[in-house]
Every structure is written in C-alpha cells, then in structure tokens.
C-alpha atoms as a PDB file:
ATOM      1  CA  MET A   1     -14.246   6.409   3.012  1.00  0.00           C
ATOM      2  CA  ALA A   2     -15.839   4.285   0.331  1.00  0.00           C
ATOM      3  CA  VAL A   3     -13.963   1.050   0.956  1.00  0.00           C
ATOM      4  CA  THR A   4     -16.295  -1.616   2.310  1.00  0.00           C
ATOM      5  CA  ASN A   5     -16.572  -5.335   2.981  1.00  0.00           C
ATOM      6  CA  PHE A   6     -12.986  -6.077   3.973  1.00  0.00           C
ATOM      7  CA  GLY A   7     -12.254  -9.704   4.724  1.00  0.00           C
ATOM      8  CA  LYS A   8      -9.679  -8.855   7.389  1.00  0.00           C
ATOM      9  CA  PHE A   9      -8.423  -5.382   8.089  1.00  0.00           C
ATOM     10  CA  LEU A  10      -6.579  -3.030  10.378  1.00  0.00           C
ATOM     11  CA  ILE A  11      -7.233   0.693  10.615  1.00  0.00           C
ATOM     12  CA  ALA A  12      -4.282   2.339  12.310  1.00  0.00           C
ATOM     13  CA  GLY A  13      -4.632   5.881  13.574  1.00  0.00           C
ATOM     14  CA  TYR A  14      -2.408   8.431  15.257  1.00  0.00           C
ATOM     15  CA  THR A  15      -3.800  10.699  17.948  1.00  0.00           C
ATOM     16  CA  GLU A  16      -2.187  13.459  19.973  1.00  0.00           C
ATOM     17  CA  ASN A  17      -4.251  12.424  23.025  1.00  0.00           C
ATOM     18  CA  PRO A  18      -2.470   9.738  25.096  1.00  0.00           C
ATOM     19  CA  MET A  19      -4.319   6.560  25.996  1.00  0.00           C
ATOM     20  CA  GLU A  20      -5.353   6.310  29.667  1.00  0.00           C
ATOM     21  CA  GLN A  21      -4.248   2.724  30.328  1.00  0.00           C
ATOM     22  CA  GLU A  22      -2.256   1.623  27.301  1.00  0.00           C
ATOM     23  CA  HIS A  23      -0.242   3.368  24.625  1.00  0.00           C
ATOM     24  CA  ILE A  24      -1.474   0.939  21.993  1.00  0.00           C
ATOM     25  CA  LYS A  25      -4.672  -0.980  21.435  1.00  0.00           C
ATOM     26  CA  PHE A  26      -4.467  -3.501  18.635  1.00  0.00           C
ATOM     27  CA  PHE A  27      -7.152  -5.879  17.420  1.00  0.00           C
ATOM     28  CA  ASN A  28      -7.280  -7.805  14.155  1.00  0.00           C
ATOM     29  CA  LYS A  29     -10.323  -6.794  12.099  1.00  0.00           C
ATOM     30  CA  ALA A  30     -10.566  -3.608  14.146  1.00  0.00           C
ATOM     31  CA  PHE A  31      -8.611  -0.555  15.232  1.00  0.00           C
ATOM     32  CA  MET A  32      -5.160   0.212  16.487  1.00  0.00           C
ATOM     33  CA  VAL A  33      -4.854   3.692  17.959  1.00  0.00           C
ATOM     34  CA  SER A  34      -1.618   5.085  19.321  1.00  0.00           C
ATOM     35  CA  ASP A  35      -0.408   8.390  20.690  1.00  0.00           C
ATOM     36  CA  HIS A  36       2.970   7.646  19.086  1.00  0.00           C
ATOM     37  CA  GLU A  37       3.111   7.632  15.303  1.00  0.00           C
ATOM     38  CA  GLU A  38       6.142   5.337  15.277  1.00  0.00           C
ATOM     39  CA  HIS A  39       4.127   2.618  17.038  1.00  0.00           C
ATOM     40  CA  LEU A  40       1.793   2.447  14.059  1.00  0.00           C
ATOM     41  CA  TYR A  41       4.585   1.794  11.611  1.00  0.00           C
ATOM     42  CA  GLU A  42       6.201  -0.804  13.855  1.00  0.00           C
ATOM     43  CA  HIS A  43       2.986  -2.755  14.350  1.00  0.00           C
ATOM     44  CA  VAL A  44       2.020  -2.631  10.682  1.00  0.00           C
ATOM     45  CA  VAL A  45       5.436  -4.080   9.809  1.00  0.00           C
ATOM     46  CA  HIS A  46       4.922  -6.855  12.377  1.00  0.00           C
ATOM     47  CA  ASP A  47       1.544  -7.495  10.762  1.00  0.00           C
ATOM     48  CA  VAL A  48       3.121  -7.706   7.293  1.00  0.00           C
ATOM     49  CA  VAL A  49       5.767 -10.149   8.545  1.00  0.00           C
ATOM     50  CA  ARG A  50       3.066 -12.280  10.162  1.00  0.00           C
ATOM     51  CA  VAL A  51       1.031 -12.432   6.954  1.00  0.00           C
ATOM     52  CA  ILE A  52       4.100 -13.318   4.892  1.00  0.00           C
ATOM     53  CA  GLY A  53       4.725 -16.308   7.146  1.00  0.00           C
ATOM     54  CA  GLU A  54       1.100 -17.422   7.271  1.00  0.00           C
ATOM     55  CA  THR A  55       0.608 -17.085   3.508  1.00  0.00           C
ATOM     56  CA  LEU A  56       3.699 -19.127   2.675  1.00  0.00           C
ATOM     57  CA  GLU A  57       2.345 -22.025   4.719  1.00  0.00           C
ATOM     58  CA  SER A  58      -0.116 -22.698   1.896  1.00  0.00           C
ATOM     59  CA  SER A  59       1.203 -20.691  -1.088  1.00  0.00           C
ATOM     60  CA  ASP A  60       4.441 -20.410  -3.034  1.00  0.00           C
ATOM     61  CA  ASN A  61       4.415 -16.608  -3.160  1.00  0.00           C
ATOM     62  CA  VAL A  62       3.155 -13.571  -1.270  1.00  0.00           C
ATOM     63  CA  HIS A  63       1.721 -10.485  -2.974  1.00  0.00           C
ATOM     64  CA  ILE A  64       1.983  -7.180  -1.103  1.00  0.00           C
ATOM     65  CA  ALA A  65       0.776  -3.799  -2.369  1.00  0.00           C
ATOM     66  CA  VAL A  66       2.111  -0.470  -1.099  1.00  0.00           C
ATOM     67  CA  SER A  67       0.582   2.955  -1.552  1.00  0.00           C
ATOM     68  CA  GLY A  68       2.349   6.193  -2.360  1.00  0.00           C
ATOM     69  CA  GLY A  69       2.503   9.392  -0.332  1.00  0.00           C
ATOM     70  CA  SER A  70       4.404  10.273   2.820  1.00  0.00           C
ATOM     71  CA  THR A  71       2.797   7.891   5.334  1.00  0.00           C
ATOM     72  CA  ILE A  72       4.243   4.775   3.720  1.00  0.00           C
ATOM     73  CA  LEU A  73       7.782   6.058   4.327  1.00  0.00           C
ATOM     74  CA  GLY A  74       7.470   5.222   8.024  1.00  0.00           C
ATOM     75  CA  VAL A  75       6.510   1.659   7.108  1.00  0.00           C
ATOM     76  CA  TYR A  76       9.533   1.404   4.811  1.00  0.00           C
ATOM     77  CA  LYS A  77      11.809   2.631   7.617  1.00  0.00           C
ATOM     78  CA  TYR A  78      10.649  -0.046  10.046  1.00  0.00           C
ATOM     79  CA  LEU A  79      10.581  -2.762   7.401  1.00  0.00           C
ATOM     80  CA  VAL A  80      14.213  -2.010   6.545  1.00  0.00           C
ATOM     81  CA  ALA A  81      15.125  -2.104  10.248  1.00  0.00           C
ATOM     82  CA  HIS A  82      13.320  -5.425  10.759  1.00  0.00           C
ATOM     83  CA  SER A  83      14.883  -6.955   7.657  1.00  0.00           C
ATOM     84  CA  SER A  84      18.385  -5.964   8.798  1.00  0.00           C
ATOM     85  CA  LYS A  85      17.959  -8.048  11.962  1.00  0.00           C
ATOM     86  CA  ASN A  86      15.716 -10.854  10.747  1.00  0.00           C
ATOM     87  CA  SER A  87      15.777 -13.132   7.742  1.00  0.00           C
ATOM     88  CA  LEU A  88      12.712 -12.761   5.543  1.00  0.00           C
ATOM     89  CA  PRO A  89      11.857 -14.880   2.468  1.00  0.00           C
ATOM     90  CA  TRP A  90      12.100 -11.977   0.029  1.00  0.00           C
ATOM     91  CA  ASP A  91      12.628 -14.399  -2.866  1.00  0.00           C
ATOM     92  CA  LYS A  92       8.974 -15.382  -2.477  1.00  0.00           C
ATOM     93  CA  VAL A  93       7.540 -11.865  -2.093  1.00  0.00           C
ATOM     94  CA  HIS A  94       6.057  -9.834  -4.936  1.00  0.00           C
ATOM     95  CA  ILE A  95       5.620  -6.099  -4.377  1.00  0.00           C
ATOM     96  CA  TRP A  96       2.977  -4.133  -6.270  1.00  0.00           C
ATOM     97  CA  GLN A  97       2.064  -0.463  -6.401  1.00  0.00           C
ATOM     98  CA  VAL A  98      -1.335   0.672  -5.146  1.00  0.00           C
ATOM     99  CA  ASP A  99      -1.166   3.840  -7.224  1.00  0.00           C
ATOM    100  CA  GLU A 100       1.220   5.965  -9.227  1.00  0.00           C
ATOM    101  CA  ARG A 101       1.560   9.572 -10.350  1.00  0.00           C
ATOM    102  CA  CYS A 102       2.129   9.854 -14.067  1.00  0.00           C
ATOM    103  CA  GLU A 103       5.009  12.322 -13.718  1.00  0.00           C
ATOM    104  CA  SER A 104       8.447  10.852 -13.222  1.00  0.00           C
ATOM    105  CA  THR A 105       9.576  13.712 -10.958  1.00  0.00           C
ATOM    106  CA  HIS A 106       6.701  13.022  -8.526  1.00  0.00           C
ATOM    107  CA  ALA A 107       6.465   9.250  -9.016  1.00  0.00           C
ATOM    108  CA  ASN A 108       5.790   7.050  -6.004  1.00  0.00           C
ATOM    109  CA  ALA A 109       8.302   4.601  -7.471  1.00  0.00           C
ATOM    110  CA  ARG A 110      11.100   7.012  -6.528  1.00  0.00           C
ATOM    111  CA  ASP A 111      10.326   6.622  -2.816  1.00  0.00           C
ATOM    112  CA  LEU A 112       9.844   2.874  -3.159  1.00  0.00           C
ATOM    113  CA  LYS A 113      13.319   2.562  -4.669  1.00  0.00           C
ATOM    114  CA  LYS A 114      15.073   5.062  -2.383  1.00  0.00           C
ATOM    115  CA  PHE A 115      13.588   4.106   0.989  1.00  0.00           C
ATOM    116  CA  LEU A 116      12.971   0.362   0.577  1.00  0.00           C
ATOM    117  CA  LEU A 117      14.611  -1.348  -2.376  1.00  0.00           C
ATOM    118  CA  ASP A 118      17.982   0.388  -2.084  1.00  0.00           C
ATOM    119  CA  ASP A 119      18.191  -0.659   1.577  1.00  0.00           C
ATOM    120  CA  ILE A 120      17.006  -4.256   1.177  1.00  0.00           C
ATOM    121  CA  PRO A 121      19.048  -5.712  -1.704  1.00  0.00           C
ATOM    122  CA  GLU A 122      17.581  -9.163  -0.990  1.00  0.00           C
ATOM    123  CA  ILE A 123      14.334  -8.091  -2.664  1.00  0.00           C
ATOM    124  CA  PRO A 124      14.492  -9.377  -6.275  1.00  0.00           C
ATOM    125  CA  LEU A 125      13.825  -6.451  -8.612  1.00  0.00           C
ATOM    126  CA  SER A 126      12.163  -8.918 -10.986  1.00  0.00           C
ATOM    127  CA  GLN A 127       9.439  -9.302  -8.338  1.00  0.00           C
ATOM    128  CA  VAL A 128       8.853  -5.583  -7.873  1.00  0.00           C
ATOM    129  CA  HIS A 129       6.061  -4.549 -10.203  1.00  0.00           C
ATOM    130  CA  PHE A 130       6.161  -0.859 -11.059  1.00  0.00           C
ATOM    131  CA  MET A 131       3.140   0.755 -12.660  1.00  0.00           C
ATOM    132  CA  PRO A 132       3.966   1.900 -16.205  1.00  0.00           C
ATOM    133  CA  ILE A 133       4.735   5.614 -16.509  1.00  0.00           C
ATOM    134  CA  SER A 134       7.179   7.692 -18.523  1.00  0.00           C
ATOM    135  CA  ASP A 135       8.321  11.294 -18.849  1.00  0.00           C
ATOM    136  CA  THR A 136       5.352  11.862 -21.140  1.00  0.00           C
ATOM    137  CA  GLY A 137       2.640  10.481 -18.872  1.00  0.00           C
ATOM    138  CA  CYS A 138       0.776   7.308 -17.966  1.00  0.00           C
ATOM    139  CA  GLY A 139       1.624   4.031 -19.592  1.00  0.00           C
ATOM    140  CA  ASP A 140      -0.637   1.183 -20.646  1.00  0.00           C
ATOM    141  CA  ILE A 141      -2.724   0.101 -17.654  1.00  0.00           C
ATOM    142  CA  ALA A 142      -3.883  -2.934 -19.640  1.00  0.00           C
ATOM    143  CA  ALA A 143      -0.258  -4.141 -19.740  1.00  0.00           C
ATOM    144  CA  TYR A 144      -0.067  -3.866 -15.941  1.00  0.00           C
ATOM    145  CA  GLN A 145      -3.291  -5.852 -15.661  1.00  0.00           C
ATOM    146  CA  LYS A 146      -1.761  -8.561 -17.850  1.00  0.00           C
ATOM    147  CA  GLU A 147       1.397  -8.628 -15.705  1.00  0.00           C
ATOM    148  CA  PHE A 148      -0.699  -8.832 -12.543  1.00  0.00           C
ATOM    149  CA  SER A 149      -2.890 -11.660 -13.823  1.00  0.00           C
ATOM    150  CA  SER A 150       0.140 -13.618 -15.029  1.00  0.00           C
ATOM    151  CA  ALA A 151       2.181 -13.329 -11.818  1.00  0.00           C
ATOM    152  CA  ASN A 152      -0.846 -13.590  -9.542  1.00  0.00           C
ATOM    153  CA  PRO A 153      -3.516 -15.867 -11.076  1.00  0.00           C
ATOM    154  CA  LYS A 154      -5.812 -15.456  -8.051  1.00  0.00           C
ATOM    155  CA  ARG A 155      -5.806 -11.690  -8.757  1.00  0.00           C
ATOM    156  CA  LYS A 156      -5.728 -10.615  -5.137  1.00  0.00           C
ATOM    157  CA  PHE A 157      -3.242  -9.136  -2.695  1.00  0.00           C
ATOM    158  CA  ASN A 158      -2.330 -11.003   0.458  1.00  0.00           C
ATOM    159  CA  TYR A 159      -1.648  -7.643   2.106  1.00  0.00           C
ATOM    160  CA  ILE A 160      -2.296  -4.078   0.996  1.00  0.00           C
ATOM    161  CA  ILE A 161      -1.180  -0.929   2.814  1.00  0.00           C
ATOM    162  CA  LEU A 162      -3.294   2.159   2.185  1.00  0.00           C
ATOM    163  CA  GLY A 163      -3.186   5.730   3.395  1.00  0.00           C
ATOM    164  CA  LEU A 164      -6.049   8.179   3.808  1.00  0.00           C
ATOM    165  CA  GLY A 165      -6.193  11.726   2.474  1.00  0.00           C
ATOM    166  CA  SER A 166      -7.828  14.629   4.281  1.00  0.00           C
ATOM    167  CA  ASP A 167     -10.550  14.619   1.604  1.00  0.00           C
ATOM    168  CA  GLY A 168     -11.284  10.938   2.239  1.00  0.00           C
ATOM    169  CA  HIS A 169      -9.448   9.469  -0.747  1.00  0.00           C
ATOM    170  CA  THR A 170      -7.416   6.304  -0.581  1.00  0.00           C
ATOM    171  CA  ALA A 171      -5.080   4.959  -3.259  1.00  0.00           C
ATOM    172  CA  SER A 172      -5.714   7.465  -6.089  1.00  0.00           C
ATOM    173  CA  LEU A 173      -9.465   7.016  -5.833  1.00  0.00           C
ATOM    174  CA  PHE A 174     -10.456  10.623  -5.257  1.00  0.00           C
ATOM    175  CA  PRO A 175     -14.026  11.886  -4.898  1.00  0.00           C
ATOM    176  CA  GLY A 176     -15.115  13.164  -8.304  1.00  0.00           C
ATOM    177  CA  SER A 177     -12.207  11.652 -10.230  1.00  0.00           C
ATOM    178  CA  LYS A 178     -12.610  10.991 -13.947  1.00  0.00           C
ATOM    179  CA  THR A 179     -11.918   7.497 -15.270  1.00  0.00           C
ATOM    180  CA  ILE A 180      -9.929   7.630 -18.509  1.00  0.00           C
ATOM    181  CA  SER A 181      -9.551   3.879 -18.942  1.00  0.00           C
ATOM    182  CA  GLU A 182     -10.203   0.846 -16.768  1.00  0.00           C
ATOM    183  CA  THR A 183      -9.387  -2.851 -16.579  1.00  0.00           C
ATOM    184  CA  ALA A 184     -10.710  -5.473 -14.198  1.00  0.00           C
ATOM    185  CA  ASP A 185      -8.392  -4.423 -11.350  1.00  0.00           C
ATOM    186  CA  PHE A 186      -6.796  -1.086 -12.246  1.00  0.00           C
ATOM    187  CA  LYS A 187      -7.763   2.389 -13.464  1.00  0.00           C
ATOM    188  CA  HIS A 188      -6.188   5.280 -15.332  1.00  0.00           C
ATOM    189  CA  VAL A 189      -7.812   8.330 -13.743  1.00  0.00           C
ATOM    190  CA  GLU A 190      -7.659  12.103 -13.750  1.00  0.00           C
ATOM    191  CA  VAL A 191      -8.104  13.486 -10.260  1.00  0.00           C
ATOM    192  CA  VAL A 192      -8.860  16.882  -8.789  1.00  0.00           C
ATOM    193  CA  THR A 193      -5.482  17.784  -7.298  1.00  0.00           C
ATOM    194  CA  SER A 194      -2.698  20.224  -8.047  1.00  0.00           C
ATOM    195  CA  THR A 195      -0.005  17.533  -7.943  1.00  0.00           C
ATOM    196  CA  SER A 196       0.090  15.038 -10.804  1.00  0.00           C
ATOM    197  CA  PRO A 197      -3.627  14.929 -11.687  1.00  0.00           C
ATOM    198  CA  LYS A 198      -3.156  11.944 -13.990  1.00  0.00           C
ATOM    199  CA  ARG A 199      -2.805   8.729 -11.979  1.00  0.00           C
ATOM    200  CA  LEU A 200      -2.845   4.953 -12.185  1.00  0.00           C
ATOM    201  CA  THR A 201      -4.585   3.170  -9.319  1.00  0.00           C
ATOM    202  CA  VAL A 202      -6.076  -0.052  -8.056  1.00  0.00           C
ATOM    203  CA  THR A 203      -9.863  -0.323  -8.025  1.00  0.00           C
ATOM    204  CA  PHE A 204     -12.076  -0.653  -4.956  1.00  0.00           C
ATOM    205  CA  ASP A 205     -12.927  -4.184  -6.092  1.00  0.00           C
ATOM    206  CA  LEU A 206      -9.274  -5.209  -5.937  1.00  0.00           C
ATOM    207  CA  ILE A 207      -8.831  -3.625  -2.501  1.00  0.00           C
ATOM    208  CA  ASN A 208     -11.844  -5.504  -1.196  1.00  0.00           C
ATOM    209  CA  ARG A 209     -10.560  -8.858  -2.487  1.00  0.00           C
ATOM    210  CA  SER A 210      -7.331  -8.522  -0.489  1.00  0.00           C
ATOM    211  CA  ASP A 211      -6.721 -10.978   2.338  1.00  0.00           C
ATOM    212  CA  TRP A 212      -5.528  -8.238   4.695  1.00  0.00           C
ATOM    213  CA  VAL A 213      -5.880  -4.473   4.453  1.00  0.00           C
ATOM    214  CA  SER A 214      -4.188  -1.812   6.574  1.00  0.00           C
ATOM    215  CA  VAL A 215      -5.380   1.773   6.394  1.00  0.00           C
ATOM    216  CA  LEU A 216      -2.851   4.139   7.979  1.00  0.00           C
ATOM    217  CA  VAL A 217      -4.365   7.419   9.132  1.00  0.00           C
ATOM    218  CA  VAL A 218      -1.741   9.909  10.304  1.00  0.00           C
ATOM    219  CA  GLY A 219      -1.985  13.664  10.883  1.00  0.00           C
ATOM    220  CA  SER A 220      -4.280  16.061  12.708  1.00  0.00           C
ATOM    221  CA  GLU A 221      -6.206  16.806   9.506  1.00  0.00           C
ATOM    222  CA  ASN A 222      -7.361  13.187   9.226  1.00  0.00           C
ATOM    223  CA  GLU A 223      -9.974  11.466  11.343  1.00  0.00           C
ATOM    224  CA  ILE A 224     -11.053   7.845  11.756  1.00  0.00           C
END
C-alpha cells in the first residue's frame, strides 16, 4: 500500500488462525491482529472515543473521516452500541467522507446515513459533510475543498478510518486510476473497477497529515 509516513497509526487485521497466548494484540503505532473480526471493530471504536476525548482537551472540535465499503459497517455497529450506553460530545464532532461513488444508488453516504446517523440522532447533520454527488455524477470537488478548509482551518483529520482492497487500494486511490480534477486535499478520479468507476476521494497527502489513522484489513483475500 502506498500510504507512508503516518504520525500515529493502527493497522487492524483479521486472521483465521487463533493467537497462541492472546486473542488480541494491540499497540499504538503498530498492529492489532485478532482471530475474531468483531474484536477489531470494538477496539477501533474504543480508539476513536479515546481520540475524541484527547483532542477536545486542546481543541473545540474533532474531525473524523470514514471510508466507504463493507468493512466500515462493523465500526458503525459498535459505535452505535457504544453511543447508546455512553454519552459522547457529538455536538463537537465533524464527520467527513474519505471517498464517494458518484452514483446515488451505490453511494457510500447511504450506508453512513442508514447504519450510523439514523441510529445516533445526537449527531448534528450540519456537522456531517457529505461529498457532492447527484444522480448525474460527481459534484464539484472544489466546493468540498472550500467546505473542508472553512470548517477545519488546520486541514487535517484527527482520526481517519480506512479499509484496504484486495488490489491494495485504500480510499478510492486505486492503482492506475486517472485523475480528472484535483484540489489540495481531494481528487475526482476515474478508477478501474466495474462498480461506480467515477469517484471522489481524499489524497494521500491528506491521509498522511491525519493525527491518527486506522487501516482495517478484513477478509481472506487481504494480507497485511
């Protein structure tokens, strides 16, 4: 994977081979490997909650970015469960999209709404920043850059959750993708895939500026 130079990061992987002494090994700036997929989601959520608290000790707001795809749904499930039992300062949290498919029927925003926002009404919708798409395709990525810079003058995420594809892509940064337009932090790309080839995505530079990065690697076809 082409992401390098993280400040602080967690790579979380699922394996079908049980650990000899412990089910979970977790180290900041290193790896967490579990033989139970659910453990990954639970620990990533605990990590997110920790970073929210730590960030608010010195900042007024927290900026979290979530990727699309199926892996993030497990994180949403455990975040909803945690939020139902614990009070979180959602009024100070901004949620951003890592990437988006420019087809409304396959949009990542649908899962974000259905599996997270609908179940945590305390999250202010005014602080959920959806990438601009429509029924006709991708919207203006420059407008999203302007929104990002205005709401987040430091132009960095406090926490970003990424997945990993079997071909090594993360976000919608595929090997061999074609850049259609680009701003300082986001790209409009055309990727080599049968599902929604036109995408909006963060750049590697923006990923690398994040305070904390989690890369969730789940499935037998993926390796870490």
